[in-house]
C-alpha atoms as a PDB file:
ATOM      1  CA  MET A   1       0.000   0.000   0.000  1.00  0.00           C
ATOM      2  CA  LYS A   2       2.805   2.406   0.915  1.00  0.00           C
ATOM      3  CA  PHE A   3       4.582   1.528  -2.331  1.00  0.00           C
ATOM      4  CA  ALA A   4       1.447   2.280  -4.386  1.00  0.00           C
ATOM      5  CA  ARG A   5       1.098   5.692  -2.703  1.00  0.00           C
ATOM      6  CA  GLN A   6       4.766   6.542  -3.362  1.00  0.00           C
ATOM      7  CA  VAL A   7       4.524   5.554  -7.021  1.00  0.00           C
ATOM      8  CA  SER A   8       1.226   7.381  -7.546  1.00  0.00           C
ATOM      9  CA  SER A   9       2.501  10.581  -5.913  1.00  0.00           C
ATOM     10  CA  SER A  10       5.719  10.447  -7.969  1.00  0.00           C
ATOM     11  CA  LEU A  11       3.725   9.807 -11.115  1.00  0.00           C
ATOM     12  CA  ALA A  12       1.356  12.693 -10.334  1.00  0.00           C
ATOM     13  CA  MET A  13       4.275  15.112  -9.893  1.00  0.00           C
ATOM     14  CA  VAL A  14       5.897  14.014 -13.151  1.00  0.00           C
ATOM     15  CA  LEU A  15       2.630  14.166 -15.093  1.00  0.00           C
ATOM     16  CA  ALA A  16       1.929  17.638 -13.713  1.00  0.00           C
ATOM     17  CA  SER A  17       5.265  18.823 -15.039  1.00  0.00           C
ATOM     18  CA  PHE A  18       4.369  17.485 -18.493  1.00  0.00           C
ATOM     19  CA  GLY A  19       0.836  18.865 -18.417  1.00  0.00           C
ATOM     20  CA  ALA A  20      -0.350  21.825 -20.400  1.00  0.00           C
ATOM     21  CA  HIS A  21       0.231  25.156 -18.759  1.00  0.00           C
ATOM     22  CA  ALA A  22      -1.667  28.326 -19.498  1.00  0.00           C
ATOM     23  CA  ASP A  23       0.502  30.559 -21.622  1.00  0.00           C
ATOM     24  CA  THR A  24      -0.362  34.217 -21.665  1.00  0.00           C
ATOM     25  CA  PRO A  25      -0.092  36.197 -24.873  1.00  0.00           C
ATOM     26  CA  VAL A  26       2.963  38.373 -25.323  1.00  0.00           C
ATOM     27  CA  VAL A  27       2.356  41.739 -26.942  1.00  0.00           C
ATOM     28  CA  PHE A  28       5.165  43.126 -29.093  1.00  0.00           C
ATOM     29  CA  GLY A  29       4.713  46.863 -29.447  1.00  0.00           C
ATOM     30  CA  PHE A  30       8.028  48.119 -30.884  1.00  0.00           C
ATOM     31  CA  GLU A  31       8.414  50.716 -28.077  1.00  0.00           C
ATOM     32  CA  GLU A  32      11.648  49.146 -26.829  1.00  0.00           C
ATOM     33  CA  LEU A  33      13.318  49.621 -30.226  1.00  0.00           C
ATOM     34  CA  SER A  34      15.317  52.759 -30.924  1.00  0.00           C
ATOM     35  CA  VAL A  35      13.635  54.624 -33.770  1.00  0.00           C
ATOM     36  CA  PRO A  36      14.303  58.264 -34.715  1.00  0.00           C
ATOM     37  CA  PHE A  37      11.283  60.458 -35.449  1.00  0.00           C
ATOM     38  CA  TYR A  38       9.760  60.201 -38.923  1.00  0.00           C
ATOM     39  CA  THR A  39      12.304  57.785 -40.337  1.00  0.00           C
ATOM     40  CA  GLY A  40      11.756  54.355 -41.817  1.00  0.00           C
ATOM     41  CA  VAL A  41      13.983  51.895 -39.976  1.00  0.00           C
ATOM     42  CA  PRO A  42      13.877  48.190 -40.903  1.00  0.00           C
ATOM     43  CA  ILE A  43      12.557  45.910 -38.178  1.00  0.00           C
ATOM     44  CA  PRO A  44      15.497  43.870 -36.843  1.00  0.00           C
ATOM     45  CA  ASP A  45      15.470  40.188 -37.777  1.00  0.00           C
ATOM     46  CA  GLY A  46      14.578  38.128 -34.751  1.00  0.00           C
ATOM     47  CA  TYR A  47      12.298  40.764 -33.230  1.00  0.00           C
ATOM     48  CA  ALA A  48       9.300  38.878 -31.772  1.00  0.00           C
ATOM     49  CA  GLY A  49      11.018  35.660 -32.902  1.00  0.00           C
ATOM     50  CA  ALA A  50      10.372  36.498 -36.549  1.00  0.00           C
ATOM     51  CA  THR A  51      11.752  37.936 -39.754  1.00  0.00           C
ATOM     52  CA  TRP A  52       9.865  40.901 -41.150  1.00  0.00           C
ATOM     53  CA  SER A  53       9.736  41.533 -44.892  1.00  0.00           C
ATOM     54  CA  GLY A  54       8.051  44.575 -46.382  1.00  0.00           C
ATOM     55  CA  TRP A  55       7.940  46.589 -43.129  1.00  0.00           C
ATOM     56  CA  VAL A  56       9.691  49.619 -41.653  1.00  0.00           C
ATOM     57  CA  LEU A  57       9.355  51.244 -38.236  1.00  0.00           C
ATOM     58  CA  ARG A  58       8.401  54.860 -37.856  1.00  0.00           C
ATOM     59  CA  ARG A  59       8.089  56.998 -34.729  1.00  0.00           C
ATOM     60  CA  ASN A  60       5.227  59.455 -35.019  1.00  0.00           C
ATOM     61  CA  ALA A  61       4.980  62.354 -32.555  1.00  0.00           C
ATOM     62  CA  GLU A  62       1.410  63.269 -33.508  1.00  0.00           C
ATOM     63  CA  LEU A  63      -0.044  59.795 -33.107  1.00  0.00           C
ATOM     64  CA  GLN A  64      -0.401  58.967 -29.421  1.00  0.00           C
ATOM     65  CA  TYR A  65      -2.592  56.157 -28.133  1.00  0.00           C
ATOM     66  CA  THR A  66      -2.537  53.479 -25.464  1.00  0.00           C
ATOM     67  CA  GLY A  67      -1.738  50.119 -27.004  1.00  0.00           C
ATOM     68  CA  LEU A  68      -2.746  46.606 -26.015  1.00  0.00           C
ATOM     69  CA  ASN A  69       0.344  46.293 -23.835  1.00  0.00           C
ATOM     70  CA  GLY A  70      -0.590  49.431 -21.881  1.00  0.00           C
ATOM     71  CA  ALA A  71       2.280  51.455 -23.349  1.00  0.00           C
ATOM     72  CA  ASN A  72       1.804  54.792 -25.042  1.00  0.00           C
ATOM     73  CA  GLY A  73       2.116  53.981 -28.707  1.00  0.00           C
ATOM     74  CA  ALA A  74       4.135  56.158 -31.019  1.00  0.00           C
ATOM     75  CA  ILE A  75       6.089  53.581 -33.034  1.00  0.00           C
ATOM     76  CA  LEU A  76       4.332  51.753 -35.826  1.00  0.00           C
ATOM     77  CA  ALA A  77       5.338  49.094 -38.325  1.00  0.00           C
ATOM     78  CA  ILE A  78       4.401  50.526 -41.708  1.00  0.00           C
ATOM     79  CA  ALA A  79       3.786  48.295 -44.710  1.00  0.00           C
ATOM     80  CA  VAL A  80       6.105  49.246 -47.574  1.00  0.00           C
ATOM     81  CA  ALA A  81       5.299  46.261 -49.803  1.00  0.00           C
ATOM     82  CA  ALA A  82       2.079  45.120 -51.440  1.00  0.00           C
ATOM     83  CA  ARG A  83       1.956  41.966 -49.278  1.00  0.00           C
ATOM     84  CA  PRO A  84       4.230  42.376 -46.240  1.00  0.00           C
ATOM     85  CA  GLU A  85       4.978  39.244 -44.219  1.00  0.00           C
ATOM     86  CA  ILE A  86       5.943  38.143 -40.732  1.00  0.00           C
ATOM     87  CA  ASN A  87       7.710  34.763 -40.657  1.00  0.00           C
ATOM     88  CA  PHE A  88       8.136  33.187 -37.215  1.00  0.00           C
ATOM     89  CA  ALA A  89      11.149  30.975 -36.453  1.00  0.00           C
ATOM     90  CA  SER A  90       8.869  28.497 -34.674  1.00  0.00           C
ATOM     91  CA  PRO A  91       5.070  28.173 -34.707  1.00  0.00           C
ATOM     92  CA  VAL A  92       3.051  30.484 -32.469  1.00  0.00           C
ATOM     93  CA  LEU A  93      -0.582  30.984 -31.604  1.00  0.00           C
ATOM     94  CA  PHE A  94      -1.452  34.334 -33.183  1.00  0.00           C
ATOM     95  CA  ASP A  95      -4.155  36.298 -31.382  1.00  0.00           C
ATOM     96  CA  GLY A  96      -4.247  39.391 -33.568  1.00  0.00           C
ATOM     97  CA  VAL A  97      -2.781  42.820 -34.144  1.00  0.00           C
ATOM     98  CA  LEU A  98      -3.664  46.454 -33.568  1.00  0.00           C
ATOM     99  CA  ALA A  99      -4.103  47.809 -37.101  1.00  0.00           C
ATOM    100  CA  PHE A 100      -4.490  51.269 -38.599  1.00  0.00           C
ATOM    101  CA  ASN A 101      -5.784  51.351 -42.154  1.00  0.00           C
ATOM    102  CA  PRO A 102      -7.150  54.825 -42.857  1.00  0.00           C
ATOM    103  CA  THR A 103      -8.030  54.490 -46.538  1.00  0.00           C
ATOM    104  CA  SER A 104      -8.433  50.840 -47.462  1.00  0.00           C
ATOM    105  CA  LYS A 105      -9.699  47.593 -46.048  1.00  0.00           C
ATOM    106  CA  LEU A 106      -7.205  45.244 -44.458  1.00  0.00           C
ATOM    107  CA  ALA A 107      -6.930  41.475 -44.022  1.00  0.00           C
ATOM    108  CA  TYR A 108      -4.233  38.901 -43.417  1.00  0.00           C
ATOM    109  CA  ASN A 109      -3.773  35.230 -44.219  1.00  0.00           C
ATOM    110  CA  LEU A 110      -2.247  32.685 -41.860  1.00  0.00           C
ATOM    111  CA  PHE A 111       0.044  29.799 -42.842  1.00  0.00           C
ATOM    112  CA  LEU A 112       1.703  26.816 -41.189  1.00  0.00           C
ATOM    113  CA  GLY A 113       4.420  24.900 -43.007  1.00  0.00           C
ATOM    114  CA  GLY A 114       3.564  26.633 -46.282  1.00  0.00           C
ATOM    115  CA  GLN A 115      -0.117  25.622 -46.073  1.00  0.00           C
ATOM    116  CA  TYR A 116      -2.915  28.166 -45.768  1.00  0.00           C
ATOM    117  CA  VAL A 117      -4.742  27.659 -42.435  1.00  0.00           C
ATOM    118  CA  GLY A 118      -6.924  30.735 -41.912  1.00  0.00           C
ATOM    119  CA  THR A 119      -7.678  34.387 -42.422  1.00  0.00           C
ATOM    120  CA  SER A 120      -8.618  37.377 -40.342  1.00  0.00           C
ATOM    121  CA  GLY A 121     -11.528  38.325 -42.505  1.00  0.00           C
ATOM    122  CA  SER A 122     -11.370  41.934 -43.639  1.00  0.00           C
ATOM    123  CA  ARG A 123     -11.644  45.111 -41.681  1.00  0.00           C
ATOM    124  CA  PRO A 124     -12.989  48.324 -43.202  1.00  0.00           C
ATOM    125  CA  ALA A 125     -10.927  51.488 -43.169  1.00  0.00           C
ATOM    126  CA  GLY A 126     -10.215  52.699 -39.652  1.00  0.00           C
ATOM    127  CA  GLY A 127      -8.234  51.465 -36.700  1.00  0.00           C
ATOM    128  CA  GLY A 128      -8.550  48.855 -33.997  1.00  0.00           C
ATOM    129  CA  PHE A 129      -7.734  45.286 -33.049  1.00  0.00           C
ATOM    130  CA  LEU A 130      -7.893  42.830 -35.944  1.00  0.00           C
ATOM    131  CA  ALA A 131      -8.341  39.378 -34.370  1.00  0.00           C
ATOM    132  CA  SER A 132      -7.095  36.237 -36.069  1.00  0.00           C
ATOM    133  CA  HIS A 133     -10.239  34.087 -35.544  1.00  0.00           C
ATOM    134  CA  TYR A 134      -7.969  31.041 -35.794  1.00  0.00           C
ATOM    135  CA  SER A 135      -6.871  29.059 -32.751  1.00  0.00           C
ATOM    136  CA  GLY A 136      -4.177  26.842 -34.278  1.00  0.00           C
ATOM    137  CA  GLU A 137      -0.461  27.350 -34.785  1.00  0.00           C
ATOM    138  CA  VAL A 138       0.928  29.612 -37.498  1.00  0.00           C
ATOM    139  CA  ASP A 139       4.451  30.343 -38.687  1.00  0.00           C
ATOM    140  CA  ARG A 140       3.719  32.965 -41.358  1.00  0.00           C
ATOM    141  CA  ILE A 141       1.337  35.908 -41.648  1.00  0.00           C
ATOM    142  CA  VAL A 142       0.801  37.659 -44.986  1.00  0.00           C
ATOM    143  CA  PHE A 143      -1.015  40.997 -44.874  1.00  0.00           C
ATOM    144  CA  ASP A 144      -3.201  42.262 -47.696  1.00  0.00           C
ATOM    145  CA  GLY A 145      -3.805  45.991 -47.812  1.00  0.00           C
ATOM    146  CA  GLY A 146      -1.353  47.655 -50.180  1.00  0.00           C
ATOM    147  CA  PRO A 147       1.937  49.465 -49.678  1.00  0.00           C
ATOM    148  CA  TYR A 148       1.817  52.495 -47.374  1.00  0.00           C
ATOM    149  CA  ALA A 149      -1.917  51.852 -46.925  1.00  0.00           C
ATOM    150  CA  PHE A 150      -1.737  50.574 -43.351  1.00  0.00           C
ATOM    151  CA  SER A 151       0.387  50.183 -40.263  1.00  0.00           C
ATOM    152  CA  ILE A 152       0.358  47.830 -37.296  1.00  0.00           C
ATOM    153  CA  ASP A 153       1.303  47.875 -33.644  1.00  0.00           C
ATOM    154  CA  ASP A 154       0.951  45.487 -30.727  1.00  0.00           C
ATOM    155  CA  LEU A 155       1.353  42.075 -32.312  1.00  0.00           C
ATOM    156  CA  ALA A 156      -0.186  39.579 -29.834  1.00  0.00           C
ATOM    157  CA  VAL A 157       1.239  36.033 -29.928  1.00  0.00           C
ATOM    158  CA  THR A 158       1.436  33.058 -27.582  1.00  0.00           C
ATOM    159  CA  ALA A 159       4.286  30.566 -27.823  1.00  0.00           C
ATOM    160  CA  SER A 160       2.822  27.146 -28.460  1.00  0.00           C
ATOM    161  CA  ALA A 161       3.795  24.505 -25.918  1.00  0.00           C
ATOM    162  CA  PRO A 162       5.476  21.441 -27.368  1.00  0.00           C
ATOM    163  CA  VAL A 163       3.405  18.267 -27.194  1.00  0.00           C
ATOM    164  CA  PRO A 164       5.354  15.296 -25.848  1.00  0.00           C
ATOM    165  CA  GLU A 165       5.734  12.435 -28.319  1.00  0.00           C
ATOM    166  CA  PRO A 166       4.278   9.038 -27.331  1.00  0.00           C
ATOM    167  CA  GLY A 167       7.834   7.679 -27.005  1.00  0.00           C
ATOM    168  CA  SER A 168       8.590  10.405 -24.440  1.00  0.00           C
ATOM    169  CA  TRP A 169       5.580   9.360 -22.378  1.00  0.00           C
ATOM    170  CA  ALA A 170       6.608   5.695 -22.539  1.00  0.00           C
ATOM    171  CA  LEU A 171      10.174   6.532 -21.516  1.00  0.00           C
ATOM    172  CA  MET A 172       8.935   8.702 -18.648  1.00  0.00           C
ATOM    173  CA  LEU A 173       6.534   6.017 -17.375  1.00  0.00           C
ATOM    174  CA  GLY A 174       9.255   3.374 -17.652  1.00  0.00           C
ATOM    175  CA  GLY A 175      11.594   5.571 -15.614  1.00  0.00           C
ATOM    176  CA  VAL A 176       8.958   6.152 -12.940  1.00  0.00           C
ATOM    177  CA  ALA A 177       8.280   2.398 -12.757  1.00  0.00           C
ATOM    178  CA  ALA A 178      12.028   1.680 -12.438  1.00  0.00           C
ATOM    179  CA  LEU A 179      12.323   4.255  -9.638  1.00  0.00           C
ATOM    180  CA  GLY A 180       9.364   2.669  -7.858  1.00  0.00           C
ATOM    181  CA  LEU A 181      10.902  -0.799  -8.107  1.00  0.00           C
ATOM    182  CA  PHE A 182      14.235   0.523  -6.885  1.00  0.00           C
ATOM    183  CA  ARG A 183      12.595   2.199  -3.893  1.00  0.00           C
ATOM    184  CA  GLN A 184      10.599  -0.941  -3.111  1.00  0.00           C
ATOM    185  CA  ARG A 185      13.760  -3.077  -3.109  1.00  0.00           C
ATOM    186  CA  ARG A 186      15.581  -0.603  -0.843  1.00  0.00           C
ATOM    187  CA  ALA A 187      12.647  -0.574   1.593  1.00  0.00           C
ATOM    188  CA  ARG A 188      12.763  -4.364   2.091  1.00  0.00           C
ATOM    189  CA  PRO A 189      15.012  -5.619   4.943  1.00  0.00           C
END
């Protein structure tokens, strides 16, 4: 009986460490990057764990707002290509982006491994949060809105937790069983 309790408590602790944990979205708002006023600075590769093609950063003194991350926004990523992209180094769960599209409608398409997986729908001209409406992993976002027609801020992503392979579970359970047997043998006189 004591052995069963020891094994079950050890197994519960190990399984809890493998269990899913609630990840909170991280909001990337560009405020921590050094950007001179009114200049187009390329977004550094690796920012937000991604490469950015077709974007520049611009600090705007006239545009002041409170972003999703609670910071006062003044730095925007401005689209300078017809279809700017964000390519993540590893898949993420994409929640959405704060978008400003004063003259045209805006949408984006989501991809994983080169395959189309979802879209944001389109948003009429204006500004506000453009949600992804897709709950799966993505590794590439392609925006559709035209060059210099829109800008974004506050990219909200959640790192996806790796799912253990069945072989990992089997190895873990085998290790727990071996530890239990070892402890049982040591406990005997």
